[in-house]
Amino acid sequence: MLERPDAVLAAIPVLAVSGIALRTVIAATGVATGLLAAPLATLGWVAALAVIGWELLVNPASTRAGERA
């Protein structure tokens, strides 16, 4: 069974690659210019870092650690 920590660990690389993949799809189809697709590559990394930060600050392990202190 897939538990929460496993899902979080799987989501981080998926988010990191998603921006680059979306940028590649837009550039390959020619729908948008490179200027429009440029911020998408960093968007995935920012989303992955946001998930990491959220997990460090809000997840159940951090709240349990705060209760012990």
PDB file of N, CA and C in Angstrom:
ATOM      1  N   MET A   1       0.841  -1.174   0.000  1.00  0.00           N
ATOM      2  CA  MET A   1       0.000   0.000   0.000  1.00  0.00           C
ATOM      3  C   MET A   1       0.894   1.249   0.000  1.00  0.00           C
ATOM      4  N   LEU A   2       0.501   2.208  -0.769  1.00  0.00           N
ATOM      5  CA  LEU A   2       1.259   3.451  -0.876  1.00  0.00           C
ATOM      6  C   LEU A   2       0.910   4.359   0.302  1.00  0.00           C
ATOM      7  N   GLU A   3       1.915   4.717   1.066  1.00  0.00           N
ATOM      8  CA  GLU A   3       1.683   5.588   2.212  1.00  0.00           C
ATOM      9  C   GLU A   3       2.130   7.010   1.891  1.00  0.00           C
ATOM     10  N   ARG A   4       1.823   7.922   2.776  1.00  0.00           N
ATOM     11  CA  ARG A   4       2.089   9.338   2.535  1.00  0.00           C
ATOM     12  C   ARG A   4       3.563   9.639   2.281  1.00  0.00           C
ATOM     13  N   PRO A   5       4.499   9.131   3.087  1.00  0.00           N
ATOM     14  CA  PRO A   5       5.911   9.440   2.805  1.00  0.00           C
ATOM     15  C   PRO A   5       6.356   8.939   1.429  1.00  0.00           C
ATOM     16  N   ASP A   6       5.842   7.794   1.011  1.00  0.00           N
ATOM     17  CA  ASP A   6       6.193   7.281  -0.310  1.00  0.00           C
ATOM     18  C   ASP A   6       5.654   8.188  -1.418  1.00  0.00           C
ATOM     19  N   ALA A   7       4.448   8.681  -1.242  1.00  0.00           N
ATOM     20  CA  ALA A   7       3.852   9.572  -2.241  1.00  0.00           C
ATOM     21  C   ALA A   7       4.614  10.888  -2.336  1.00  0.00           C
ATOM     22  N   VAL A   8       5.058  11.404  -1.198  1.00  0.00           N
ATOM     23  CA  VAL A   8       5.812  12.657  -1.204  1.00  0.00           C
ATOM     24  C   VAL A   8       7.155  12.461  -1.896  1.00  0.00           C
ATOM     25  N   LEU A   9       7.829  11.353  -1.579  1.00  0.00           N
ATOM     26  CA  LEU A   9       9.112  11.094  -2.222  1.00  0.00           C
ATOM     27  C   LEU A   9       8.966  10.859  -3.724  1.00  0.00           C
ATOM     28  N   ALA A  10       7.847  10.338  -4.159  1.00  0.00           N
ATOM     29  CA  ALA A  10       7.616  10.151  -5.588  1.00  0.00           C
ATOM     30  C   ALA A  10       7.239  11.462  -6.273  1.00  0.00           C
ATOM     31  N   ALA A  11       6.573  12.349  -5.553  1.00  0.00           N
ATOM     32  CA  ALA A  11       6.113  13.603  -6.149  1.00  0.00           C
ATOM     33  C   ALA A  11       7.247  14.588  -6.404  1.00  0.00           C
ATOM     34  N   ILE A  12       8.288  14.555  -5.596  1.00  0.00           N
ATOM     35  CA  ILE A  12       9.362  15.542  -5.728  1.00  0.00           C
ATOM     36  C   ILE A  12      10.058  15.461  -7.086  1.00  0.00           C
ATOM     37  N   PRO A  13      10.554  14.297  -7.546  1.00  0.00           N
ATOM     38  CA  PRO A  13      11.188  14.280  -8.867  1.00  0.00           C
ATOM     39  C   PRO A  13      10.201  14.495 -10.010  1.00  0.00           C
ATOM     40  N   VAL A  14       8.953  14.062  -9.817  1.00  0.00           N
ATOM     41  CA  VAL A  14       7.945  14.281 -10.864  1.00  0.00           C
ATOM     42  C   VAL A  14       7.709  15.775 -11.056  1.00  0.00           C
ATOM     43  N   LEU A  15       7.600  16.506  -9.972  1.00  0.00           N
ATOM     44  CA  LEU A  15       7.428  17.956 -10.073  1.00  0.00           C
ATOM     45  C   LEU A  15       8.648  18.630 -10.680  1.00  0.00           C
ATOM     46  N   ALA A  16       9.829  18.163 -10.306  1.00  0.00           N
ATOM     47  CA  ALA A  16      11.054  18.776 -10.819  1.00  0.00           C
ATOM     48  C   ALA A  16      11.177  18.608 -12.330  1.00  0.00           C
ATOM     49  N   VAL A  17      10.746  17.479 -12.846  1.00  0.00           N
ATOM     50  CA  VAL A  17      10.860  17.207 -14.279  1.00  0.00           C
ATOM     51  C   VAL A  17       9.679  17.779 -15.058  1.00  0.00           C
ATOM     52  N   SER A  18       8.569  18.017 -14.387  1.00  0.00           N
ATOM     53  CA  SER A  18       7.366  18.451 -15.094  1.00  0.00           C
ATOM     54  C   SER A  18       7.543  19.784 -15.817  1.00  0.00           C
ATOM     55  N   GLY A  19       8.259  20.719 -15.222  1.00  0.00           N
ATOM     56  CA  GLY A  19       8.466  22.006 -15.877  1.00  0.00           C
ATOM     57  C   GLY A  19       9.278  21.877 -17.148  1.00  0.00           C
ATOM     58  N   ILE A  20      10.322  21.069 -17.098  1.00  0.00           N
ATOM     59  CA  ILE A  20      11.156  20.864 -18.290  1.00  0.00           C
ATOM     60  C   ILE A  20      10.377  20.119 -19.366  1.00  0.00           C
ATOM     61  N   ALA A  21       9.593  19.127 -18.968  1.00  0.00           N
ATOM     62  CA  ALA A  21       8.798  18.364 -19.937  1.00  0.00           C
ATOM     63  C   ALA A  21       7.749  19.251 -20.602  1.00  0.00           C
ATOM     64  N   LEU A  22       7.078  20.079 -19.823  1.00  0.00           N
ATOM     65  CA  LEU A  22       6.071  20.978 -20.389  1.00  0.00           C
ATOM     66  C   LEU A  22       6.712  21.990 -21.332  1.00  0.00           C
ATOM     67  N   ARG A  23       7.877  22.496 -20.962  1.00  0.00           N
ATOM     68  CA  ARG A  23       8.586  23.442 -21.831  1.00  0.00           C
ATOM     69  C   ARG A  23       8.968  22.772 -23.154  1.00  0.00           C
ATOM     70  N   THR A  24       9.417  21.521 -23.094  1.00  0.00           N
ATOM     71  CA  THR A  24       9.795  20.791 -24.299  1.00  0.00           C
ATOM     72  C   THR A  24       8.595  20.576 -25.212  1.00  0.00           C
ATOM     73  N   VAL A  25       7.461  20.225 -24.626  1.00  0.00           N
ATOM     74  CA  VAL A  25       6.243  20.015 -25.424  1.00  0.00           C
ATOM     75  C   VAL A  25       5.817  21.310 -26.102  1.00  0.00           C
ATOM     76  N   ILE A  26       5.859  22.418 -25.394  1.00  0.00           N
ATOM     77  CA  ILE A  26       5.457  23.697 -25.981  1.00  0.00           C
ATOM     78  C   ILE A  26       6.420  24.101 -27.093  1.00  0.00           C
ATOM     79  N   ALA A  27       7.703  23.919 -26.863  1.00  0.00           N
ATOM     80  CA  ALA A  27       8.687  24.293 -27.883  1.00  0.00           C
ATOM     81  C   ALA A  27       8.596  23.382 -29.104  1.00  0.00           C
ATOM     82  N   ALA A  28       8.309  22.108 -28.897  1.00  0.00           N
ATOM     83  CA  ALA A  28       8.228  21.167 -30.021  1.00  0.00           C
ATOM     84  C   ALA A  28       7.007  21.415 -30.891  1.00  0.00           C
ATOM     85  N   THR A  29       5.909  21.800 -30.287  1.00  0.00           N
ATOM     86  CA  THR A  29       4.701  22.046 -31.076  1.00  0.00           C
ATOM     87  C   THR A  29       4.734  23.395 -31.773  1.00  0.00           C
ATOM     88  N   GLY A  30       5.539  24.307 -31.275  1.00  0.00           N
ATOM     89  CA  GLY A  30       5.628  25.621 -31.900  1.00  0.00           C
ATOM     90  C   GLY A  30       4.464  26.521 -31.562  1.00  0.00           C
ATOM     91  N   VAL A  31       3.675  26.155 -30.552  1.00  0.00           N
ATOM     92  CA  VAL A  31       2.517  26.960 -30.185  1.00  0.00           C
ATOM     93  C   VAL A  31       2.953  28.283 -29.557  1.00  0.00           C
ATOM     94  N   ALA A  32       3.988  28.245 -28.763  1.00  0.00           N
ATOM     95  CA  ALA A  32       4.436  29.452 -28.076  1.00  0.00           C
ATOM     96  C   ALA A  32       5.893  29.726 -28.413  1.00  0.00           C
ATOM     97  N   THR A  33       6.312  30.900 -28.135  1.00  0.00           N
ATOM     98  CA  THR A  33       7.705  31.252 -28.371  1.00  0.00           C
ATOM     99  C   THR A  33       8.560  30.777 -27.206  1.00  0.00           C
ATOM    100  N   GLY A  34       9.854  30.826 -27.372  1.00  0.00           N
ATOM    101  CA  GLY A  34      10.764  30.449 -26.303  1.00  0.00           C
ATOM    102  C   GLY A  34      10.639  31.365 -25.102  1.00  0.00           C
ATOM    103  N   LEU A  35      10.287  32.611 -25.349  1.00  0.00           N
ATOM    104  CA  LEU A  35      10.118  33.563 -24.254  1.00  0.00           C
ATOM    105  C   LEU A  35       8.956  33.169 -23.353  1.00  0.00           C
ATOM    106  N   LEU A  36       7.907  32.637 -23.948  1.00  0.00           N
ATOM    107  CA  LEU A  36       6.754  32.201 -23.159  1.00  0.00           C
ATOM    108  C   LEU A  36       7.068  30.937 -22.375  1.00  0.00           C
ATOM    109  N   ALA A  37       7.829  30.029 -22.964  1.00  0.00           N
ATOM    110  CA  ALA A  37       8.119  28.745 -22.324  1.00  0.00           C
ATOM    111  C   ALA A  37       9.297  28.807 -21.363  1.00  0.00           C
ATOM    112  N   ALA A  38      10.069  29.871 -21.380  1.00  0.00           N
ATOM    113  CA  ALA A  38      11.274  29.955 -20.554  1.00  0.00           C
ATOM    114  C   ALA A  38      11.007  29.797 -19.057  1.00  0.00           C
ATOM    115  N   PRO A  39      10.001  30.433 -18.478  1.00  0.00           N
ATOM    116  CA  PRO A  39       9.807  30.290 -17.029  1.00  0.00           C
ATOM    117  C   PRO A  39       9.319  28.910 -16.609  1.00  0.00           C
ATOM    118  N   LEU A  40       8.852  28.098 -17.526  1.00  0.00           N
ATOM    119  CA  LEU A  40       8.306  26.797 -17.162  1.00  0.00           C
ATOM    120  C   LEU A  40       9.361  25.836 -16.639  1.00  0.00           C
ATOM    121  N   ALA A  41      10.589  25.964 -17.090  1.00  0.00           N
ATOM    122  CA  ALA A  41      11.637  25.056 -16.628  1.00  0.00           C
ATOM    123  C   ALA A  41      11.905  25.261 -15.139  1.00  0.00           C
ATOM    124  N   THR A  42      11.922  26.478 -14.695  1.00  0.00           N
ATOM    125  CA  THR A  42      12.164  26.734 -13.276  1.00  0.00           C
ATOM    126  C   THR A  42      10.923  26.518 -12.428  1.00  0.00           C
ATOM    127  N   LEU A  43       9.758  26.542 -13.038  1.00  0.00           N
ATOM    128  CA  LEU A  43       8.526  26.354 -12.284  1.00  0.00           C
ATOM    129  C   LEU A  43       8.458  24.980 -11.631  1.00  0.00           C
ATOM    130  N   GLY A  44       8.935  23.955 -12.315  1.00  0.00           N
ATOM    131  CA  GLY A  44       8.943  22.616 -11.739  1.00  0.00           C
ATOM    132  C   GLY A  44       9.860  22.517 -10.541  1.00  0.00           C
ATOM    133  N   TRP A  45      11.034  23.126 -10.646  1.00  0.00           N
ATOM    134  CA  TRP A  45      11.973  23.099  -9.520  1.00  0.00           C
ATOM    135  C   TRP A  45      11.420  23.863  -8.327  1.00  0.00           C
ATOM    136  N   VAL A  46      10.773  24.975  -8.589  1.00  0.00           N
ATOM    137  CA  VAL A  46      10.182  25.756  -7.501  1.00  0.00           C
ATOM    138  C   VAL A  46       9.069  24.958  -6.820  1.00  0.00           C
ATOM    139  N   ALA A  47       8.262  24.256  -7.601  1.00  0.00           N
ATOM    140  CA  ALA A  47       7.195  23.431  -7.026  1.00  0.00           C
ATOM    141  C   ALA A  47       7.778  22.296  -6.187  1.00  0.00           C
ATOM    142  N   ALA A  48       8.850  21.674  -6.665  1.00  0.00           N
ATOM    143  CA  ALA A  48       9.490  20.601  -5.893  1.00  0.00           C
ATOM    144  C   ALA A  48      10.070  21.140  -4.588  1.00  0.00           C
ATOM    145  N   LEU A  49      10.708  22.297  -4.639  1.00  0.00           N
ATOM    146  CA  LEU A  49      11.242  22.897  -3.414  1.00  0.00           C
ATOM    147  C   LEU A  49      10.124  23.307  -2.453  1.00  0.00           C
ATOM    148  N   ALA A  50       8.986  23.728  -3.002  1.00  0.00           N
ATOM    149  CA  ALA A  50       7.848  24.078  -2.146  1.00  0.00           C
ATOM    150  C   ALA A  50       7.319  22.846  -1.420  1.00  0.00           C
ATOM    151  N   VAL A  51       7.264  21.711  -2.107  1.00  0.00           N
ATOM    152  CA  VAL A  51       6.814  20.477  -1.460  1.00  0.00           C
ATOM    153  C   VAL A  51       7.789  20.072  -0.359  1.00  0.00           C
ATOM    154  N   ILE A  52       9.082  20.190  -0.619  1.00  0.00           N
ATOM    155  CA  ILE A  52      10.081  19.847   0.396  1.00  0.00           C
ATOM    156  C   ILE A  52       9.943  20.772   1.609  1.00  0.00           C
ATOM    157  N   GLY A  53       9.821  22.047   1.371  1.00  0.00           N
ATOM    158  CA  GLY A  53       9.650  23.002   2.473  1.00  0.00           C
ATOM    159  C   GLY A  53       8.376  22.754   3.255  1.00  0.00           C
ATOM    160  N   TRP A  54       7.289  22.464   2.554  1.00  0.00           N
ATOM    161  CA  TRP A  54       6.013  22.182   3.210  1.00  0.00           C
ATOM    162  C   TRP A  54       6.132  20.946   4.099  1.00  0.00           C
ATOM    163  N   GLU A  55       6.774  19.920   3.582  1.00  0.00           N
ATOM    164  CA  GLU A  55       6.924  18.692   4.357  1.00  0.00           C
ATOM    165  C   GLU A  55       7.809  18.899   5.577  1.00  0.00           C
ATOM    166  N   LEU A  56       8.837  19.720   5.448  1.00  0.00           N
ATOM    167  CA  LEU A  56       9.706  19.976   6.591  1.00  0.00           C
ATOM    168  C   LEU A  56       9.020  20.792   7.677  1.00  0.00           C
ATOM    169  N   LEU A  57       8.117  21.671   7.287  1.00  0.00           N
ATOM    170  CA  LEU A  57       7.485  22.556   8.260  1.00  0.00           C
ATOM    171  C   LEU A  57       6.157  22.054   8.809  1.00  0.00           C
ATOM    172  N   VAL A  58       5.396  21.307   7.997  1.00  0.00           N
ATOM    173  CA  VAL A  58       4.014  21.019   8.364  1.00  0.00           C
ATOM    174  C   VAL A  58       3.703  19.540   8.525  1.00  0.00           C
ATOM    175  N   ASN A  59       4.521  18.649   8.040  1.00  0.00           N
ATOM    176  CA  ASN A  59       4.155  17.232   8.051  1.00  0.00           C
ATOM    177  C   ASN A  59       4.027  16.686   9.470  1.00  0.00           C
ATOM    178  N   PRO A  60       3.435  15.519   9.621  1.00  0.00           N
ATOM    179  CA  PRO A  60       3.205  14.972  10.964  1.00  0.00           C
ATOM    180  C   PRO A  60       4.478  14.743  11.779  1.00  0.00           C
ATOM    181  N   ALA A  61       5.588  14.394  11.142  1.00  0.00           N
ATOM    182  CA  ALA A  61       6.820  14.163  11.878  1.00  0.00           C
ATOM    183  C   ALA A  61       7.331  15.455  12.517  1.00  0.00           C
ATOM    184  N   SER A  62       7.191  16.568  11.818  1.00  0.00           N
ATOM    185  CA  SER A  62       7.669  17.828  12.399  1.00  0.00           C
ATOM    186  C   SER A  62       6.772  18.270  13.550  1.00  0.00           C
ATOM    187  N   THR A  63       5.482  18.010  13.476  1.00  0.00           N
ATOM    188  CA  THR A  63       4.611  18.388  14.590  1.00  0.00           C
ATOM    189  C   THR A  63       4.843  17.488  15.788  1.00  0.00           C
ATOM    190  N   ARG A  64       5.126  16.210  15.554  1.00  0.00           N
ATOM    191  CA  ARG A  64       5.436  15.313  16.668  1.00  0.00           C
ATOM    192  C   ARG A  64       6.753  15.707  17.323  1.00  0.00           C
ATOM    193  N   ALA A  65       7.718  16.139  16.547  1.00  0.00           N
ATOM    194  CA  ALA A  65       8.999  16.576  17.110  1.00  0.00           C
ATOM    195  C   ALA A  65       8.805  17.828  17.958  1.00  0.00           C
ATOM    196  N   GLY A  66       7.904  18.700  17.540  1.00  0.00           N
ATOM    197  CA  GLY A  66       7.621  19.904  18.313  1.00  0.00           C
ATOM    198  C   GLY A  66       6.936  19.594  19.634  1.00  0.00           C
ATOM    199  N   GLU A  67       6.130  18.547  19.679  1.00  0.00           N
ATOM    200  CA  GLU A  67       5.442  18.180  20.908  1.00  0.00           C
ATOM    201  C   GLU A  67       6.405  17.584  21.925  1.00  0.00           C
ATOM    202  N   ARG A  68       7.461  16.906  21.448  1.00  0.00           N
ATOM    203  CA  ARG A  68       8.431  16.296  22.359  1.00  0.00           C
ATOM    204  C   ARG A  68       9.340  17.320  23.017  1.00  0.00           C
ATOM    205  N   ALA A  69       9.568  18.421  22.310  1.00  0.00           N
ATOM    206  CA  ALA A  69      10.516  19.426  22.832  1.00  0.00           C
ATOM    207  C   ALA A  69       9.935  20.241  23.954  1.00  0.00           C
TER     208      ALA A  69
END
